[in-house]
Amino acid sequence: LSPGRDELRLSVTDTGRGIPAAEQDRVFEFAYSTREGGTGLGLAMVHQVVVEEHGGRVSLDSRPDEGTRVSLVFPGDDPSREVS
């Protein structure tokens, strides 16, 4: 859990080719891919699970030729909230 907050943050970083700024707004859309032969399901499914199903947040920080960081933030444990 993040200090002073009731949330869990997970960041995944790679040192790959990065995602051009013009394409970053679309990477969470189903069937959109920046890779040749990609399905466009990975980040779209992450967005669906984190944001839509668990009320969290997902963000992307990517720079061409430097890599990409995807950060996931999940709400903390709330006994009154039911999660399936």
PDB file of N, CA and C in Angstrom:
ATOM      1  N   LEU A   1       0.844  -1.184   0.000  1.00  0.00           N
ATOM      2  CA  LEU A   1       0.000   0.000   0.000  1.00  0.00           C
ATOM      3  C   LEU A   1       0.880   1.235   0.000  1.00  0.00           C
ATOM      4  N   SER A   2       0.424   2.250  -0.688  1.00  0.00           N
ATOM      5  CA  SER A   2       1.179   3.496  -0.738  1.00  0.00           C
ATOM      6  C   SER A   2       1.121   4.181   0.627  1.00  0.00           C
ATOM      7  N   PRO A   3       2.223   4.752   1.098  1.00  0.00           N
ATOM      8  CA  PRO A   3       2.238   5.423   2.401  1.00  0.00           C
ATOM      9  C   PRO A   3       1.182   6.528   2.464  1.00  0.00           C
ATOM     10  N   GLY A   4       0.377   6.504   3.523  1.00  0.00           N
ATOM     11  CA  GLY A   4      -0.629   7.550   3.715  1.00  0.00           C
ATOM     12  C   GLY A   4      -1.840   7.422   2.811  1.00  0.00           C
ATOM     13  N   ARG A   5      -1.903   6.359   2.024  1.00  0.00           N
ATOM     14  CA  ARG A   5      -3.035   6.180   1.106  1.00  0.00           C
ATOM     15  C   ARG A   5      -3.535   4.756   1.220  1.00  0.00           C
ATOM     16  N   ASP A   6      -4.793   4.610   0.951  1.00  0.00           N
ATOM     17  CA  ASP A   6      -5.394   3.289   0.988  1.00  0.00           C
ATOM     18  C   ASP A   6      -5.475   2.753  -0.435  1.00  0.00           C
ATOM     19  N   GLU A   7      -4.312   2.524  -1.036  1.00  0.00           N
ATOM     20  CA  GLU A   7      -4.260   2.017  -2.404  1.00  0.00           C
ATOM     21  C   GLU A   7      -2.978   1.220  -2.611  1.00  0.00           C
ATOM     22  N   LEU A   8      -3.023   0.381  -3.610  1.00  0.00           N
ATOM     23  CA  LEU A   8      -1.873  -0.434  -3.991  1.00  0.00           C
ATOM     24  C   LEU A   8      -1.406   0.014  -5.364  1.00  0.00           C
ATOM     25  N   ARG A   9      -0.116   0.307  -5.497  1.00  0.00           N
ATOM     26  CA  ARG A   9       0.440   0.766  -6.772  1.00  0.00           C
ATOM     27  C   ARG A   9       1.447  -0.266  -7.265  1.00  0.00           C
ATOM     28  N   LEU A  10       1.319  -0.600  -8.552  1.00  0.00           N
ATOM     29  CA  LEU A  10       2.237  -1.538  -9.199  1.00  0.00           C
ATOM     30  C   LEU A  10       2.687  -0.903 -10.505  1.00  0.00           C
ATOM     31  N   SER A  11       3.979  -0.832 -10.718  1.00  0.00           N
ATOM     32  CA  SER A  11       4.516  -0.291 -11.967  1.00  0.00           C
ATOM     33  C   SER A  11       5.359  -1.351 -12.648  1.00  0.00           C
ATOM     34  N   VAL A  12       5.208  -1.447 -13.959  1.00  0.00           N
ATOM     35  CA  VAL A  12       5.983  -2.367 -14.780  1.00  0.00           C
ATOM     36  C   VAL A  12       6.712  -1.527 -15.817  1.00  0.00           C
ATOM     37  N   THR A  13       8.029  -1.703 -15.896  1.00  0.00           N
ATOM     38  CA  THR A  13       8.847  -0.890 -16.792  1.00  0.00           C
ATOM     39  C   THR A  13       9.660  -1.793 -17.708  1.00  0.00           C
ATOM     40  N   ASP A  14       9.776  -1.364 -18.971  1.00  0.00           N
ATOM     41  CA  ASP A  14      10.667  -2.074 -19.877  1.00  0.00           C
ATOM     42  C   ASP A  14      11.637  -1.073 -20.504  1.00  0.00           C
ATOM     43  N   THR A  15      12.632  -1.571 -21.178  1.00  0.00           N
ATOM     44  CA  THR A  15      13.620  -0.715 -21.839  1.00  0.00           C
ATOM     45  C   THR A  15      13.549  -0.910 -23.346  1.00  0.00           C
ATOM     46  N   GLY A  16      12.342  -1.185 -23.840  1.00  0.00           N
ATOM     47  CA  GLY A  16      12.141  -1.438 -25.264  1.00  0.00           C
ATOM     48  C   GLY A  16      12.140  -0.173 -26.096  1.00  0.00           C
ATOM     49  N   ARG A  17      11.500  -0.269 -27.243  1.00  0.00           N
ATOM     50  CA  ARG A  17      11.528   0.836 -28.210  1.00  0.00           C
ATOM     51  C   ARG A  17      10.624   2.000 -27.843  1.00  0.00           C
ATOM     52  N   GLY A  18       9.748   1.833 -26.871  1.00  0.00           N
ATOM     53  CA  GLY A  18       8.843   2.899 -26.467  1.00  0.00           C
ATOM     54  C   GLY A  18       7.662   3.015 -27.424  1.00  0.00           C
ATOM     55  N   ILE A  19       6.725   3.884 -27.066  1.00  0.00           N
ATOM     56  CA  ILE A  19       5.523   4.100 -27.868  1.00  0.00           C
ATOM     57  C   ILE A  19       5.488   5.564 -28.254  1.00  0.00           C
ATOM     58  N   PRO A  20       5.389   5.871 -29.551  1.00  0.00           N
ATOM     59  CA  PRO A  20       5.347   7.268 -29.976  1.00  0.00           C
ATOM     60  C   PRO A  20       4.187   8.027 -29.312  1.00  0.00           C
ATOM     61  N   ALA A  21       4.411   9.278 -28.974  1.00  0.00           N
ATOM     62  CA  ALA A  21       3.406  10.106 -28.292  1.00  0.00           C
ATOM     63  C   ALA A  21       2.071  10.114 -29.028  1.00  0.00           C
ATOM     64  N   ALA A  22       2.094  10.133 -30.346  1.00  0.00           N
ATOM     65  CA  ALA A  22       0.858  10.180 -31.130  1.00  0.00           C
ATOM     66  C   ALA A  22       0.010   8.919 -30.981  1.00  0.00           C
ATOM     67  N   GLU A  23       0.612   7.827 -30.529  1.00  0.00           N
ATOM     68  CA  GLU A  23      -0.105   6.559 -30.388  1.00  0.00           C
ATOM     69  C   GLU A  23      -0.479   6.233 -28.945  1.00  0.00           C
ATOM     70  N   GLN A  24       0.040   6.961 -27.988  1.00  0.00           N
ATOM     71  CA  GLN A  24      -0.159   6.622 -26.581  1.00  0.00           C
ATOM     72  C   GLN A  24      -1.605   6.707 -26.128  1.00  0.00           C
ATOM     73  N   ASP A  25      -2.397   7.609 -26.661  1.00  0.00           N
ATOM     74  CA  ASP A  25      -3.804   7.725 -26.264  1.00  0.00           C
ATOM     75  C   ASP A  25      -4.628   6.530 -26.694  1.00  0.00           C
ATOM     76  N   ARG A  26      -4.147   5.755 -27.641  1.00  0.00           N
ATOM     77  CA  ARG A  26      -4.929   4.645 -28.193  1.00  0.00           C
ATOM     78  C   ARG A  26      -4.552   3.277 -27.659  1.00  0.00           C
ATOM     79  N   VAL A  27      -3.483   3.161 -26.899  1.00  0.00           N
ATOM     80  CA  VAL A  27      -2.982   1.834 -26.526  1.00  0.00           C
ATOM     81  C   VAL A  27      -3.923   1.040 -25.626  1.00  0.00           C
ATOM     82  N   PHE A  28      -4.905   1.683 -25.010  1.00  0.00           N
ATOM     83  CA  PHE A  28      -5.848   0.963 -24.159  1.00  0.00           C
ATOM     84  C   PHE A  28      -7.121   0.569 -24.911  1.00  0.00           C
ATOM     85  N   GLU A  29      -7.190   0.859 -26.221  1.00  0.00           N
ATOM     86  CA  GLU A  29      -8.339   0.480 -27.044  1.00  0.00           C
ATOM     87  C   GLU A  29      -8.195  -0.980 -27.479  1.00  0.00           C
ATOM     88  N   PHE A  30      -9.339  -1.710 -27.483  1.00  0.00           N
ATOM     89  CA  PHE A  30      -9.308  -3.089 -27.969  1.00  0.00           C
ATOM     90  C   PHE A  30      -8.911  -3.111 -29.438  1.00  0.00           C
ATOM     91  N   ALA A  31      -8.083  -4.062 -29.808  1.00  0.00           N
ATOM     92  CA  ALA A  31      -7.643  -4.330 -31.177  1.00  0.00           C
ATOM     93  C   ALA A  31      -6.684  -3.279 -31.730  1.00  0.00           C
ATOM     94  N   TYR A  32      -6.192  -2.352 -30.900  1.00  0.00           N
ATOM     95  CA  TYR A  32      -5.191  -1.393 -31.363  1.00  0.00           C
ATOM     96  C   TYR A  32      -3.821  -1.867 -30.879  1.00  0.00           C
ATOM     97  N   SER A  33      -2.876  -1.983 -31.793  1.00  0.00           N
ATOM     98  CA  SER A  33      -1.536  -2.422 -31.438  1.00  0.00           C
ATOM     99  C   SER A  33      -0.499  -1.561 -32.138  1.00  0.00           C
ATOM    100  N   THR A  34       0.608  -1.360 -31.472  1.00  0.00           N
ATOM    101  CA  THR A  34       1.724  -0.626 -32.066  1.00  0.00           C
ATOM    102  C   THR A  34       2.747  -1.583 -32.656  1.00  0.00           C
ATOM    103  N   ARG A  35       2.504  -2.890 -32.481  1.00  0.00           N
ATOM    104  CA  ARG A  35       3.456  -3.900 -32.957  1.00  0.00           C
ATOM    105  C   ARG A  35       2.909  -4.640 -34.164  1.00  0.00           C
ATOM    106  N   GLU A  36       3.773  -4.937 -35.089  1.00  0.00           N
ATOM    107  CA  GLU A  36       3.432  -5.770 -36.237  1.00  0.00           C
ATOM    108  C   GLU A  36       2.965  -7.134 -35.721  1.00  0.00           C
ATOM    109  N   GLY A  37       1.777  -7.541 -36.099  1.00  0.00           N
ATOM    110  CA  GLY A  37       1.235  -8.824 -35.679  1.00  0.00           C
ATOM    111  C   GLY A  37       0.646  -8.835 -34.281  1.00  0.00           C
ATOM    112  N   GLY A  38       0.612  -7.677 -33.601  1.00  0.00           N
ATOM    113  CA  GLY A  38       0.035  -7.614 -32.252  1.00  0.00           C
ATOM    114  C   GLY A  38      -1.483  -7.714 -32.302  1.00  0.00           C
ATOM    115  N   THR A  39      -2.070  -8.228 -31.232  1.00  0.00           N
ATOM    116  CA  THR A  39      -3.529  -8.389 -31.196  1.00  0.00           C
ATOM    117  C   THR A  39      -4.245  -7.166 -30.644  1.00  0.00           C
ATOM    118  N   GLY A  40      -3.535  -6.340 -29.892  1.00  0.00           N
ATOM    119  CA  GLY A  40      -4.183  -5.179 -29.297  1.00  0.00           C
ATOM    120  C   GLY A  40      -5.044  -5.534 -28.104  1.00  0.00           C
ATOM    121  N   LEU A  41      -4.757  -6.653 -27.462  1.00  0.00           N
ATOM    122  CA  LEU A  41      -5.568  -7.068 -26.319  1.00  0.00           C
ATOM    123  C   LEU A  41      -4.901  -6.794 -24.971  1.00  0.00           C
ATOM    124  N   GLY A  42      -3.586  -6.804 -24.901  1.00  0.00           N
ATOM    125  CA  GLY A  42      -2.875  -6.711 -23.627  1.00  0.00           C
ATOM    126  C   GLY A  42      -3.254  -5.527 -22.767  1.00  0.00           C
ATOM    127  N   LEU A  43      -2.947  -4.318 -23.205  1.00  0.00           N
ATOM    128  CA  LEU A  43      -3.234  -3.139 -22.391  1.00  0.00           C
ATOM    129  C   LEU A  43      -4.722  -2.843 -22.322  1.00  0.00           C
ATOM    130  N   ALA A  44      -5.475  -3.241 -23.343  1.00  0.00           N
ATOM    131  CA  ALA A  44      -6.936  -3.069 -23.296  1.00  0.00           C
ATOM    132  C   ALA A  44      -7.520  -3.914 -22.169  1.00  0.00           C
ATOM    133  N   MET A  45      -7.024  -5.129 -22.012  1.00  0.00           N
ATOM    134  CA  MET A  45      -7.507  -5.995 -20.930  1.00  0.00           C
ATOM    135  C   MET A  45      -7.050  -5.481 -19.570  1.00  0.00           C
ATOM    136  N   VAL A  46      -5.837  -4.968 -19.495  1.00  0.00           N
ATOM    137  CA  VAL A  46      -5.349  -4.370 -18.249  1.00  0.00           C
ATOM    138  C   VAL A  46      -6.280  -3.238 -17.842  1.00  0.00           C
ATOM    139  N   HIS A  47      -6.611  -2.372 -18.788  1.00  0.00           N
ATOM    140  CA  HIS A  47      -7.496  -1.238 -18.499  1.00  0.00           C
ATOM    141  C   HIS A  47      -8.856  -1.739 -18.015  1.00  0.00           C
ATOM    142  N   GLN A  48      -9.409  -2.739 -18.673  1.00  0.00           N
ATOM    143  CA  GLN A  48     -10.718  -3.261 -18.293  1.00  0.00           C
ATOM    144  C   GLN A  48     -10.701  -3.808 -16.862  1.00  0.00           C
ATOM    145  N   VAL A  49      -9.702  -4.598 -16.535  1.00  0.00           N
ATOM    146  CA  VAL A  49      -9.639  -5.209 -15.208  1.00  0.00           C
ATOM    147  C   VAL A  49      -9.361  -4.166 -14.130  1.00  0.00           C
ATOM    148  N   VAL A  50      -8.363  -3.325 -14.340  1.00  0.00           N
ATOM    149  CA  VAL A  50      -7.948  -2.377 -13.310  1.00  0.00           C
ATOM    150  C   VAL A  50      -8.973  -1.266 -13.117  1.00  0.00           C
ATOM    151  N   VAL A  51      -9.395  -0.648 -14.196  1.00  0.00           N
ATOM    152  CA  VAL A  51     -10.256   0.526 -14.098  1.00  0.00           C
ATOM    153  C   VAL A  51     -11.730   0.139 -13.992  1.00  0.00           C
ATOM    154  N   GLU A  52     -12.212  -0.624 -14.959  1.00  0.00           N
ATOM    155  CA  GLU A  52     -13.636  -0.893 -15.024  1.00  0.00           C
ATOM    156  C   GLU A  52     -14.104  -1.887 -13.965  1.00  0.00           C
ATOM    157  N   GLU A  53     -13.324  -2.915 -13.683  1.00  0.00           N
ATOM    158  CA  GLU A  53     -13.776  -3.948 -12.754  1.00  0.00           C
ATOM    159  C   GLU A  53     -13.362  -3.705 -11.308  1.00  0.00           C
ATOM    160  N   HIS A  54     -12.299  -2.915 -11.076  1.00  0.00           N
ATOM    161  CA  HIS A  54     -11.823  -2.720  -9.709  1.00  0.00           C
ATOM    162  C   HIS A  54     -11.741  -1.258  -9.288  1.00  0.00           C
ATOM    163  N   GLY A  55     -12.198  -0.334 -10.116  1.00  0.00           N
ATOM    164  CA  GLY A  55     -12.222   1.072  -9.733  1.00  0.00           C
ATOM    165  C   GLY A  55     -10.859   1.691  -9.548  1.00  0.00           C
ATOM    166  N   GLY A  56      -9.866   1.163 -10.236  1.00  0.00           N
ATOM    167  CA  GLY A  56      -8.510   1.680 -10.106  1.00  0.00           C
ATOM    168  C   GLY A  56      -8.152   2.652 -11.213  1.00  0.00           C
ATOM    169  N   ARG A  57      -6.866   2.851 -11.377  1.00  0.00           N
ATOM    170  CA  ARG A  57      -6.354   3.754 -12.411  1.00  0.00           C
ATOM    171  C   ARG A  57      -5.184   3.059 -13.103  1.00  0.00           C
ATOM    172  N   VAL A  58      -4.989   3.409 -14.353  1.00  0.00           N
ATOM    173  CA  VAL A  58      -3.830   2.908 -15.087  1.00  0.00           C
ATOM    174  C   VAL A  58      -3.257   4.075 -15.882  1.00  0.00           C
ATOM    175  N   SER A  59      -1.939   4.190 -15.878  1.00  0.00           N
ATOM    176  CA  SER A  59      -1.309   5.270 -16.631  1.00  0.00           C
ATOM    177  C   SER A  59      -0.112   4.726 -17.399  1.00  0.00           C
ATOM    178  N   LEU A  60       0.274   5.476 -18.398  1.00  0.00           N
ATOM    179  CA  LEU A  60       1.356   5.078 -19.287  1.00  0.00           C
ATOM    180  C   LEU A  60       2.349   6.215 -19.393  1.00  0.00           C
ATOM    181  N   ASP A  61       3.617   5.889 -19.269  1.00  0.00           N
ATOM    182  CA  ASP A  61       4.688   6.853 -19.488  1.00  0.00           C
ATOM    183  C   ASP A  61       5.671   6.174 -20.430  1.00  0.00           C
ATOM    184  N   SER A  62       5.780   6.691 -21.654  1.00  0.00           N
ATOM    185  CA  SER A  62       6.624   6.047 -22.642  1.00  0.00           C
ATOM    186  C   SER A  62       7.389   7.083 -23.452  1.00  0.00           C
ATOM    187  N   ARG A  63       8.637   6.751 -23.724  1.00  0.00           N
ATOM    188  CA  ARG A  63       9.482   7.627 -24.542  1.00  0.00           C
ATOM    189  C   ARG A  63      10.148   6.770 -25.614  1.00  0.00           C
ATOM    190  N   PRO A  64      10.021   7.185 -26.868  1.00  0.00           N
ATOM    191  CA  PRO A  64      10.659   6.421 -27.945  1.00  0.00           C
ATOM    192  C   PRO A  64      12.149   6.200 -27.666  1.00  0.00           C
ATOM    193  N   ASP A  65      12.584   4.987 -27.935  1.00  0.00           N
ATOM    194  CA  ASP A  65      13.971   4.552 -27.759  1.00  0.00           C
ATOM    195  C   ASP A  65      14.439   4.502 -26.303  1.00  0.00           C
ATOM    196  N   GLU A  66      13.543   4.709 -25.333  1.00  0.00           N
ATOM    197  CA  GLU A  66      13.917   4.629 -23.919  1.00  0.00           C
ATOM    198  C   GLU A  66      13.120   3.583 -23.162  1.00  0.00           C
ATOM    199  N   GLY A  67      11.889   3.305 -23.577  1.00  0.00           N
ATOM    200  CA  GLY A  67      11.085   2.305 -22.889  1.00  0.00           C
ATOM    201  C   GLY A  67       9.746   2.844 -22.427  1.00  0.00           C
ATOM    202  N   THR A  68       9.036   1.993 -21.692  1.00  0.00           N
ATOM    203  CA  THR A  68       7.673   2.293 -21.271  1.00  0.00           C
ATOM    204  C   THR A  68       7.468   1.869 -19.828  1.00  0.00           C
ATOM    205  N   ARG A  69       6.704   2.672 -19.095  1.00  0.00           N
ATOM    206  CA  ARG A  69       6.277   2.307 -17.747  1.00  0.00           C
ATOM    207  C   ARG A  69       4.755   2.355 -17.720  1.00  0.00           C
ATOM    208  N   VAL A  70       4.150   1.258 -17.285  1.00  0.00           N
ATOM    209  CA  VAL A  70       2.705   1.194 -17.073  1.00  0.00           C
ATOM    210  C   VAL A  70       2.502   1.102 -15.568  1.00  0.00           C
ATOM    211  N   SER A  71       1.714   2.027 -15.019  1.00  0.00           N
ATOM    212  CA  SER A  71       1.442   2.037 -13.583  1.00  0.00           C
ATOM    213  C   SER A  71      -0.016   1.709 -13.330  1.00  0.00           C
ATOM    214  N   LEU A  72      -0.232   0.774 -12.411  1.00  0.00           N
ATOM    215  CA  LEU A  72      -1.578   0.356 -12.026  1.00  0.00           C
ATOM    216  C   LEU A  72      -1.802   0.772 -10.583  1.00  0.00           C
ATOM    217  N   VAL A  73      -2.950   1.358 -10.303  1.00  0.00           N
ATOM    218  CA  VAL A  73      -3.292   1.745  -8.942  1.00  0.00           C
ATOM    219  C   VAL A  73      -4.632   1.124  -8.607  1.00  0.00           C
ATOM    220  N   PHE A  74      -4.644   0.300  -7.558  1.00  0.00           N
ATOM    221  CA  PHE A  74      -5.859  -0.362  -7.103  1.00  0.00           C
ATOM    222  C   PHE A  74      -6.308   0.271  -5.790  1.00  0.00           C
ATOM    223  N   PRO A  75      -7.621   0.430  -5.606  1.00  0.00           N
ATOM    224  CA  PRO A  75      -8.102   0.922  -4.312  1.00  0.00           C
ATOM    225  C   PRO A  75      -7.700  -0.049  -3.213  1.00  0.00           C
ATOM    226  N   GLY A  76      -7.488   0.477  -2.025  1.00  0.00           N
ATOM    227  CA  GLY A  76      -7.119  -0.366  -0.894  1.00  0.00           C
ATOM    228  C   GLY A  76      -8.271  -1.228  -0.429  1.00  0.00           C
ATOM    229  N   ASP A  77      -7.992  -2.028   0.574  1.00  0.00           N
ATOM    230  CA  ASP A  77      -8.983  -2.938   1.127  1.00  0.00           C
ATOM    231  C   ASP A  77     -10.088  -2.159   1.829  1.00  0.00           C
ATOM    232  N   ASP A  78     -11.297  -2.306   1.357  1.00  0.00           N
ATOM    233  CA  ASP A  78     -12.466  -1.684   1.961  1.00  0.00           C
ATOM    234  C   ASP A  78     -13.478  -2.797   2.211  1.00  0.00           C
ATOM    235  N   PRO A  79     -13.661  -3.198   3.469  1.00  0.00           N
ATOM    236  CA  PRO A  79     -14.526  -4.331   3.764  1.00  0.00           C
ATOM    237  C   PRO A  79     -15.968  -4.131   3.291  1.00  0.00           C
ATOM    238  N   SER A  80     -16.392  -2.901   3.095  1.00  0.00           N
ATOM    239  CA  SER A  80     -17.764  -2.658   2.656  1.00  0.00           C
ATOM    240  C   SER A  80     -17.910  -2.793   1.131  1.00  0.00           C
ATOM    241  N   ARG A  81     -16.769  -2.865   0.428  1.00  0.00           N
ATOM    242  CA  ARG A  81     -16.804  -2.979  -1.036  1.00  0.00           C
ATOM    243  C   ARG A  81     -16.634  -4.429  -1.415  1.00  0.00           C
ATOM    244  N   GLU A  82     -17.541  -4.915  -2.258  1.00  0.00           N
ATOM    245  CA  GLU A  82     -17.492  -6.299  -2.681  1.00  0.00           C
ATOM    246  C   GLU A  82     -16.775  -6.384  -4.021  1.00  0.00           C
ATOM    247  N   VAL A  83     -15.774  -7.238  -4.113  1.00  0.00           N
ATOM    248  CA  VAL A  83     -15.015  -7.418  -5.347  1.00  0.00           C
ATOM    249  C   VAL A  83     -15.152  -8.878  -5.770  1.00  0.00           C
ATOM    250  N   SER A  84     -15.459  -9.073  -7.057  1.00  0.00           N
ATOM    251  CA  SER A  84     -15.588 -10.458  -7.541  1.00  0.00           C
ATOM    252  C   SER A  84     -14.342 -10.885  -8.252  1.00  0.00           C
TER     253      SER A  84
END
